[in-house]
Amino acid sequence: MNKRKLSVSVLLIALLITAAVGVWSAQAQSSETPRLATLPAGAAYQPRADEIRLAQMYQEVTPAVVYVSVATRFGGGTGSGFVIDEEGHIVTNNHVVESAQYIGVTFVDGTILEAELIGRDPDADLAVIKVDPAKVPLKPVTFADSGEAFVGQQVYAIGNPFGQEFTLTEGIISALDRSLTSESRFSIPELIQTDAAINPGNSGGPLLDADGRVIGVNTAIMSESRSASGVGFAIPSNTVRRIVPYLIAEGSYAHSWLGITGATLLSEQREAMGLSEGVKGVMISEVTHGGPAQKAGLVGAQQVIATPLGRLAVGGDIISAVNGRPIEKMSDLITYLEANTLPGDTITLRVLRGTETVEISVTLLPRP
């Protein structure tokens, strides 16, 4: 009798549990968010020919681009770089790696390798680092002749702005023959100005032409906020092609040094010195004591005058040609010395001294 009551009780409990589960299941189903249809999409996008070409260029070049990360005594930083040969040499900016105690590079396939510093040139803001070529397939870049660059030319930057790896931006060459002062206080000449977005982290990465050839090395931006403002600068490829072999072979590059402080001759200076408007060149305001110019007998400004433009030096030698090449502005002189001379070379300057034109030979020295 007791067993029968127990069985009935168990059966009732089971029925109650089943009913409760059924109620819970029905409530759960009723509370589910109904699945709605996805909004429709249009027909598949058909890329334009120029978009396809750009995408192909990006795919072809990015294996040569690297993300550079450095550890220093006081922290670290990031930048970009690119492979230039099958021996593992990578070009980047000097300011990216100059204080590094550890340098790591990341390739687009995710490979991370430690790199060693091979050479650097603070005056040109260039450096060469190297990875073990046996540890990763290497696909070097191709260089363009930056002497053929022109304002309005389409260019592209690939780099790692703000640590966002392998970012592509595009723009045009906005101007040529720009100059900036390096950390060593000497001018870097012939810079390419571009409106392609360049931000912190792009430093050392390639500026490319439409064929994917390196036309410059992104090095700086002009922005108070340190973010893209449409005014970026790249070291021209011809400068890179000239200097990098020395960095690989010798670890450094010796820039020739004339030993003057000067500027492009202005009309106010011509007027004060009684010169015709046709006189052009570089006014020497000061010669460095013991430098090549002083040893050769070049003369700096004799006085300073007040003008609407401020105080200007007058009365110094005016350089109008170097080795027969006309010089109209300071950048002409800097560019010629950078591209055509090395320490130890002797150059001939055509100099206007008062009303007399003289030829003066100067033997250049390495920059101090």
Protein backbone atom coordinates (compact mmCIF):
# COMPACT_ATOMS: atom_id res chain seq x y z
CA MET A 1 0.00 0.00 0.00
CA ASN A 2 2.81 2.38 0.90
CA LYS A 3 4.68 1.43 -2.30
CA ARG A 4 1.61 2.27 -4.39
CA LYS A 5 1.29 5.69 -2.78
CA LEU A 6 5.00 6.31 -3.39
CA SER A 7 4.68 5.43 -7.07
CA VAL A 8 1.71 7.76 -7.47
CA SER A 9 3.67 10.55 -5.77
CA VAL A 10 6.71 10.03 -8.04
CA LEU A 11 4.42 10.07 -11.08
CA LEU A 12 2.76 13.32 -9.96
CA ILE A 13 6.17 14.96 -9.35
CA ALA A 14 7.36 13.89 -12.82
CA LEU A 15 4.24 15.31 -14.43
CA LEU A 16 4.68 18.59 -12.57
CA ILE A 17 8.35 18.85 -13.67
CA THR A 18 7.41 18.13 -17.28
CA ALA A 19 4.72 20.77 -17.18
CA ALA A 20 7.09 23.31 -15.66
CA VAL A 21 9.73 22.64 -18.31
CA GLY A 22 7.11 23.02 -21.01
CA VAL A 23 5.97 26.35 -19.59
CA TRP A 24 9.62 27.60 -19.28
CA SER A 25 10.37 26.47 -22.85
CA ALA A 26 7.30 28.24 -24.19
CA GLN A 27 8.20 31.41 -22.28
CA ALA A 28 11.81 31.27 -23.54
CA GLN A 29 10.66 30.83 -27.12
CA SER A 30 8.24 33.67 -26.83
CA SER A 31 10.97 35.98 -25.41
CA GLU A 32 13.53 35.35 -28.25
CA THR A 33 14.23 38.34 -30.57
CA PRO A 34 12.72 37.47 -33.91
CA ARG A 35 15.31 37.02 -36.67
CA LEU A 36 14.93 39.81 -39.23
CA ALA A 37 15.95 39.84 -42.85
CA THR A 38 19.32 41.48 -43.66
CA LEU A 39 19.11 44.71 -45.61
CA PRO A 40 19.70 44.04 -49.29
CA ALA A 41 22.98 44.87 -51.07
CA GLY A 42 23.33 46.07 -54.61
CA ALA A 43 25.16 44.31 -57.40
CA ALA A 44 28.79 43.31 -56.82
CA TYR A 45 31.19 46.27 -57.13
CA GLN A 46 33.28 46.30 -60.28
CA PRO A 47 36.69 47.88 -59.50
CA ARG A 48 38.01 50.43 -61.95
CA ALA A 49 41.22 49.70 -63.83
CA ASP A 50 43.18 52.25 -61.79
CA GLU A 51 41.93 50.72 -58.53
CA ILE A 52 42.98 47.25 -59.65
CA ARG A 53 46.39 48.58 -60.65
CA LEU A 54 46.84 50.30 -57.28
CA ALA A 55 45.77 47.18 -55.38
CA GLN A 56 48.26 45.11 -57.38
CA MET A 57 51.03 47.62 -56.70
CA TYR A 58 50.29 47.48 -52.97
CA GLN A 59 50.42 43.67 -52.98
CA GLU A 60 53.70 43.69 -54.88
CA VAL A 61 55.46 46.27 -52.70
CA THR A 62 54.31 45.44 -49.16
CA PRO A 63 56.54 42.33 -48.86
CA ALA A 64 59.49 44.75 -49.01
CA VAL A 65 58.08 47.12 -46.37
CA VAL A 66 58.71 46.51 -42.67
CA TYR A 67 57.34 47.79 -39.39
CA VAL A 68 60.28 48.93 -37.26
CA SER A 69 60.00 48.87 -33.48
CA VAL A 70 62.83 49.97 -31.21
CA ALA A 71 63.58 49.77 -27.52
CA THR A 72 65.68 52.53 -26.00
CA ARG A 73 67.01 53.27 -22.57
CA PHE A 74 64.07 55.56 -21.92
CA GLY A 75 61.27 53.71 -23.70
CA GLY A 76 60.77 52.92 -27.36
CA GLY A 77 59.32 53.96 -30.65
CA THR A 78 58.14 52.79 -34.03
CA GLY A 79 58.73 53.60 -37.66
CA SER A 80 58.93 52.04 -41.07
CA GLY A 81 61.56 50.80 -43.49
CA PHE A 82 62.04 48.85 -46.70
CA VAL A 83 64.28 46.07 -47.99
CA ILE A 84 66.83 47.15 -50.61
CA ASP A 85 68.71 43.92 -51.39
CA GLU A 86 68.71 40.16 -50.88
CA GLU A 87 71.42 40.43 -48.21
CA GLY A 88 68.86 41.74 -45.72
CA HIS A 89 69.71 45.46 -45.73
CA ILE A 90 66.81 47.75 -44.85
CA VAL A 91 66.67 51.52 -45.22
CA THR A 92 64.94 53.64 -42.58
CA ASN A 93 65.37 57.06 -40.95
CA ASN A 94 68.21 57.81 -38.60
CA HIS A 95 65.80 59.37 -36.09
CA VAL A 96 63.90 56.07 -35.90
CA VAL A 97 66.88 53.97 -34.76
CA GLU A 98 69.61 56.31 -33.52
CA SER A 99 69.12 55.60 -29.78
CA ALA A 100 67.93 51.99 -30.13
CA GLN A 101 69.24 49.27 -27.87
CA TYR A 102 67.03 46.74 -29.65
CA ILE A 103 65.59 46.90 -33.17
CA GLY A 104 62.82 44.58 -34.32
CA VAL A 105 61.25 44.43 -37.75
CA THR A 106 57.93 42.90 -38.69
CA PHE A 107 57.20 41.78 -42.25
CA VAL A 108 53.76 41.77 -43.81
CA ASP A 109 53.54 37.97 -43.43
CA GLY A 110 53.91 38.33 -39.65
CA THR A 111 57.58 37.33 -39.45
CA ILE A 112 59.39 39.23 -36.68
CA LEU A 113 63.19 39.44 -36.70
CA GLU A 114 65.81 41.29 -34.73
CA ALA A 115 67.86 43.71 -36.81
CA GLU A 116 71.33 45.13 -36.30
CA LEU A 117 72.34 48.71 -37.01
CA ILE A 118 74.78 48.83 -39.94
CA GLY A 119 75.26 52.54 -40.48
CA ARG A 120 73.59 55.91 -40.11
CA ASP A 121 73.84 59.46 -41.37
CA PRO A 122 72.25 62.05 -39.05
CA ASP A 123 72.85 64.85 -41.57
CA ALA A 124 70.60 63.16 -44.16
CA ASP A 125 68.37 61.38 -41.60
CA LEU A 126 69.14 57.99 -43.15
CA ALA A 127 70.09 54.68 -41.58
CA VAL A 128 70.63 51.09 -42.68
CA ILE A 129 69.70 48.09 -40.55
CA LYS A 130 70.08 44.41 -41.42
CA VAL A 131 68.23 41.14 -40.78
CA ASP A 132 69.37 37.56 -41.35
CA PRO A 133 68.44 36.87 -44.99
CA ALA A 134 68.19 33.14 -44.29
CA LYS A 135 65.20 33.64 -41.98
CA VAL A 136 62.74 35.31 -44.33
CA PRO A 137 62.13 35.53 -48.09
CA LEU A 138 63.31 38.97 -49.22
CA LYS A 139 61.82 40.99 -52.05
CA PRO A 140 63.82 44.23 -52.52
CA VAL A 141 62.29 47.45 -53.79
CA THR A 142 63.16 49.10 -57.09
CA PHE A 143 64.36 52.71 -57.03
CA ALA A 144 63.14 55.46 -59.32
CA ASP A 145 65.25 58.38 -60.53
CA SER A 146 64.01 61.22 -58.34
CA GLY A 147 65.57 63.69 -60.78
CA GLU A 148 62.60 62.93 -63.03
CA ALA A 149 60.00 63.73 -60.35
CA PHE A 150 57.59 66.56 -61.12
CA VAL A 151 55.00 68.64 -59.29
CA GLY A 152 51.59 67.02 -59.72
CA GLN A 153 52.99 63.50 -60.01
CA GLN A 154 50.86 60.86 -58.27
CA VAL A 155 52.68 59.26 -55.32
CA TYR A 156 51.87 56.73 -52.61
CA ALA A 157 53.17 56.14 -49.10
CA ILE A 158 53.24 52.78 -47.35
CA GLY A 159 54.11 52.68 -43.68
CA ASN A 160 52.91 52.20 -40.14
CA PRO A 161 51.32 55.45 -38.91
CA PHE A 162 50.46 55.36 -35.21
CA GLY A 163 51.38 51.66 -35.26
CA GLN A 164 48.71 50.82 -37.84
CA GLU A 165 50.73 48.37 -39.89
CA PHE A 166 51.14 48.54 -43.68
CA THR A 167 48.88 51.51 -44.32
CA LEU A 168 48.60 52.90 -47.85
CA THR A 169 47.97 56.60 -48.49
CA GLU A 170 48.05 58.55 -51.72
CA GLY A 171 48.62 62.09 -52.92
CA ILE A 172 50.73 64.12 -55.29
CA ILE A 173 54.13 65.75 -55.28
CA SER A 174 53.26 69.24 -54.06
CA ALA A 175 56.70 70.81 -54.49
CA LEU A 176 60.35 69.98 -55.10
CA ASP A 177 63.68 71.30 -53.82
CA ARG A 178 62.48 71.87 -50.26
CA SER A 179 64.96 71.84 -47.38
CA LEU A 180 64.79 71.13 -43.66
CA THR A 181 67.34 71.49 -40.89
CA SER A 182 68.61 68.15 -39.61
CA GLU A 183 69.36 67.36 -35.97
CA SER A 184 72.99 68.26 -36.70
CA ARG A 185 71.78 71.76 -37.78
CA PHE A 186 72.86 71.28 -41.39
CA SER A 187 70.25 71.52 -44.14
CA ILE A 188 68.85 68.45 -45.88
CA PRO A 189 68.39 69.65 -49.48
CA GLU A 190 66.22 68.60 -52.43
CA LEU A 191 63.39 67.21 -50.29
CA ILE A 192 60.18 66.14 -52.01
CA GLN A 193 57.04 67.73 -50.57
CA THR A 194 53.85 65.69 -50.76
CA ASP A 195 50.25 65.89 -49.57
CA ALA A 196 50.04 62.09 -49.19
CA ALA A 197 49.08 61.52 -45.54
CA ILE A 198 52.25 61.00 -43.50
CA ASN A 199 52.03 60.60 -39.74
CA PRO A 200 54.30 59.48 -36.89
CA GLY A 201 55.22 55.90 -37.72
CA ASN A 202 55.51 56.57 -41.44
CA SER A 203 59.10 57.72 -40.92
CA GLY A 204 61.53 55.62 -42.93
CA GLY A 205 58.87 54.14 -45.19
CA PRO A 206 58.85 54.45 -48.97
CA LEU A 207 57.23 57.14 -51.08
CA LEU A 208 56.34 55.38 -54.33
CA ASP A 209 55.52 56.35 -57.88
CA ALA A 210 52.62 54.78 -59.77
CA ASP A 211 54.84 51.87 -60.84
CA GLY A 212 55.67 51.03 -57.22
CA ARG A 213 59.25 52.31 -57.42
CA VAL A 214 60.76 54.19 -54.48
CA ILE A 215 61.01 57.88 -55.29
CA GLY A 216 61.78 58.96 -51.72
CA VAL A 217 62.00 58.06 -48.04
CA ASN A 218 59.31 59.66 -45.87
CA THR A 219 61.05 61.62 -43.15
CA ALA A 220 59.05 64.50 -41.68
CA ILE A 221 55.79 66.38 -41.52
CA MET A 222 55.09 70.06 -40.94
CA SER A 223 52.38 70.08 -38.30
CA GLU A 224 52.02 71.52 -34.82
CA SER A 225 49.82 68.56 -33.87
CA ARG A 226 52.28 65.94 -35.23
CA SER A 227 49.52 64.57 -37.47
CA ALA A 228 48.95 64.76 -41.21
CA SER A 229 48.40 68.31 -42.41
CA GLY A 230 49.03 67.81 -46.10
CA VAL A 231 52.67 68.91 -45.85
CA GLY A 232 55.02 65.93 -45.68
CA PHE A 233 58.61 65.55 -46.83
CA ALA A 234 60.62 62.72 -48.32
CA ILE A 235 64.35 62.33 -48.90
CA PRO A 236 64.77 61.90 -52.67
CA SER A 237 65.75 58.46 -53.93
CA ASN A 238 68.86 59.80 -55.65
CA THR A 239 70.17 60.96 -52.27
CA VAL A 240 69.41 57.53 -50.81
CA ARG A 241 71.10 55.75 -53.71
CA ARG A 242 74.23 57.87 -53.23
CA ILE A 243 74.57 57.64 -49.45
CA VAL A 244 73.39 54.12 -48.58
CA PRO A 245 76.33 52.26 -50.21
CA TYR A 246 78.66 54.19 -47.87
CA LEU A 247 76.52 53.34 -44.84
CA ILE A 248 76.72 49.65 -45.74
CA ALA A 249 80.43 49.66 -46.51
CA GLU A 250 81.73 52.13 -43.91
CA GLY A 251 78.92 52.70 -41.41
CA SER A 252 78.80 56.44 -42.05
CA TYR A 253 78.83 59.08 -44.76
CA ALA A 254 81.16 62.10 -44.83
CA HIS A 255 79.46 65.21 -46.17
CA SER A 256 81.68 67.86 -47.70
CA TRP A 257 81.92 71.15 -45.81
CA LEU A 258 82.57 74.63 -47.15
CA GLY A 259 82.45 76.39 -43.81
CA ILE A 260 80.20 79.38 -44.45
CA THR A 261 76.96 80.85 -43.18
CA GLY A 262 75.06 82.45 -46.02
CA ALA A 263 71.73 83.05 -47.70
CA THR A 264 70.23 83.89 -51.06
CA LEU A 265 71.08 87.46 -52.08
CA LEU A 266 68.05 89.76 -51.66
CA SER A 267 67.17 92.95 -53.50
CA GLU A 268 67.60 94.95 -50.28
CA GLN A 269 71.19 93.75 -50.05
CA ARG A 270 71.83 94.52 -53.72
CA GLU A 271 70.49 98.03 -53.25
CA ALA A 272 72.60 98.63 -50.15
CA MET A 273 75.73 97.44 -51.97
CA GLY A 274 74.99 99.33 -55.17
CA LEU A 275 74.57 96.20 -57.28
CA SER A 276 72.32 95.78 -60.29
CA GLU A 277 69.15 93.70 -60.12
CA GLY A 278 70.79 91.14 -62.41
CA VAL A 279 73.31 90.11 -59.75
CA LYS A 280 72.32 86.77 -58.20
CA GLY A 281 74.00 84.36 -55.86
CA VAL A 282 74.71 83.57 -52.21
CA MET A 283 75.78 86.29 -49.82
CA ILE A 284 78.37 85.01 -47.33
CA SER A 285 77.46 86.46 -43.97
CA GLU A 286 80.13 84.61 -42.00
CA VAL A 287 83.05 82.23 -42.57
CA THR A 288 83.85 79.61 -39.94
CA HIS A 289 87.19 80.08 -38.23
CA GLY A 290 89.64 77.46 -39.51
CA GLY A 291 87.19 76.20 -42.11
CA PRO A 292 87.84 75.66 -45.82
CA ALA A 293 86.31 79.00 -46.87
CA GLN A 294 88.44 81.01 -44.46
CA LYS A 295 91.59 79.14 -45.47
CA ALA A 296 90.83 79.93 -49.12
CA GLY A 297 90.41 83.63 -48.36
CA LEU A 298 86.65 84.02 -48.69
CA VAL A 299 85.24 87.03 -46.87
CA GLY A 300 82.09 87.33 -44.80
CA ALA A 301 79.79 90.33 -44.34
CA GLN A 302 81.39 93.59 -43.27
CA GLN A 303 78.29 95.10 -41.69
CA VAL A 304 74.63 94.54 -40.86
CA ILE A 305 71.92 96.95 -41.97
CA ALA A 306 68.31 97.46 -40.90
CA THR A 307 65.69 96.81 -43.58
CA PRO A 308 61.90 96.25 -43.65
CA LEU A 309 62.76 92.53 -43.72
CA GLY A 310 64.90 92.83 -40.61
CA ARG A 311 68.65 93.09 -40.16
CA LEU A 312 70.60 91.87 -43.19
CA ALA A 313 74.30 91.24 -43.73
CA VAL A 314 76.03 93.17 -46.52
CA GLY A 315 79.53 93.61 -47.86
CA GLY A 316 80.54 89.96 -48.00
CA ASP A 317 81.61 87.84 -50.95
CA ILE A 318 78.79 86.75 -53.25
CA ILE A 319 79.10 83.24 -54.71
CA SER A 320 77.66 83.21 -58.24
CA ALA A 321 78.99 79.89 -59.57
CA VAL A 322 80.68 76.67 -58.47
CA ASN A 323 82.80 74.73 -60.95
CA GLY A 324 81.12 76.74 -63.69
CA ARG A 325 77.59 75.93 -62.50
CA PRO A 326 75.54 79.10 -61.91
CA ILE A 327 74.34 79.64 -58.33
CA GLU A 328 71.23 81.77 -57.85
CA LYS A 329 70.12 80.75 -54.36
CA MET A 330 71.47 79.02 -51.27
CA SER A 331 69.75 75.73 -52.08
CA ASP A 332 71.62 75.62 -55.42
CA LEU A 333 74.95 75.72 -53.57
CA ILE A 334 73.95 73.15 -50.95
CA THR A 335 72.52 70.80 -53.57
CA TYR A 336 75.61 71.01 -55.77
CA LEU A 337 78.00 70.30 -52.90
CA GLU A 338 75.85 67.40 -51.68
CA ALA A 339 75.38 65.72 -55.04
CA ASN A 340 78.77 66.32 -56.62
CA THR A 341 81.50 66.55 -54.00
CA LEU A 342 83.18 64.64 -51.20
CA PRO A 343 85.63 65.80 -48.53
CA GLY A 344 89.03 66.39 -50.07
CA ASP A 345 87.64 67.64 -53.38
CA THR A 346 88.76 71.03 -54.61
CA ILE A 347 86.10 73.29 -56.12
CA THR A 348 86.35 76.62 -57.92
CA LEU A 349 84.01 79.37 -56.82
CA ARG A 350 83.20 82.44 -58.91
CA VAL A 351 82.89 85.25 -56.40
CA LEU A 352 81.77 88.86 -56.69
CA ARG A 353 83.85 90.91 -54.27
CA GLY A 354 82.78 94.53 -54.41
CA THR A 355 82.81 95.30 -58.12
CA GLU A 356 85.40 92.65 -58.99
CA THR A 357 84.75 89.04 -60.00
CA VAL A 358 87.39 86.56 -58.85
CA GLU A 359 87.89 82.78 -59.06
CA ILE A 360 88.79 81.12 -55.77
CA SER A 361 89.76 77.47 -55.26
CA VAL A 362 88.56 75.81 -52.06
CA THR A 363 89.50 72.36 -50.77
CA LEU A 364 86.51 70.91 -48.93
CA LEU A 365 86.71 69.19 -45.56
CA PRO A 366 84.36 66.78 -43.75
CA ARG A 367 81.61 68.42 -41.72
CA PRO A 368 82.73 68.92 -38.13
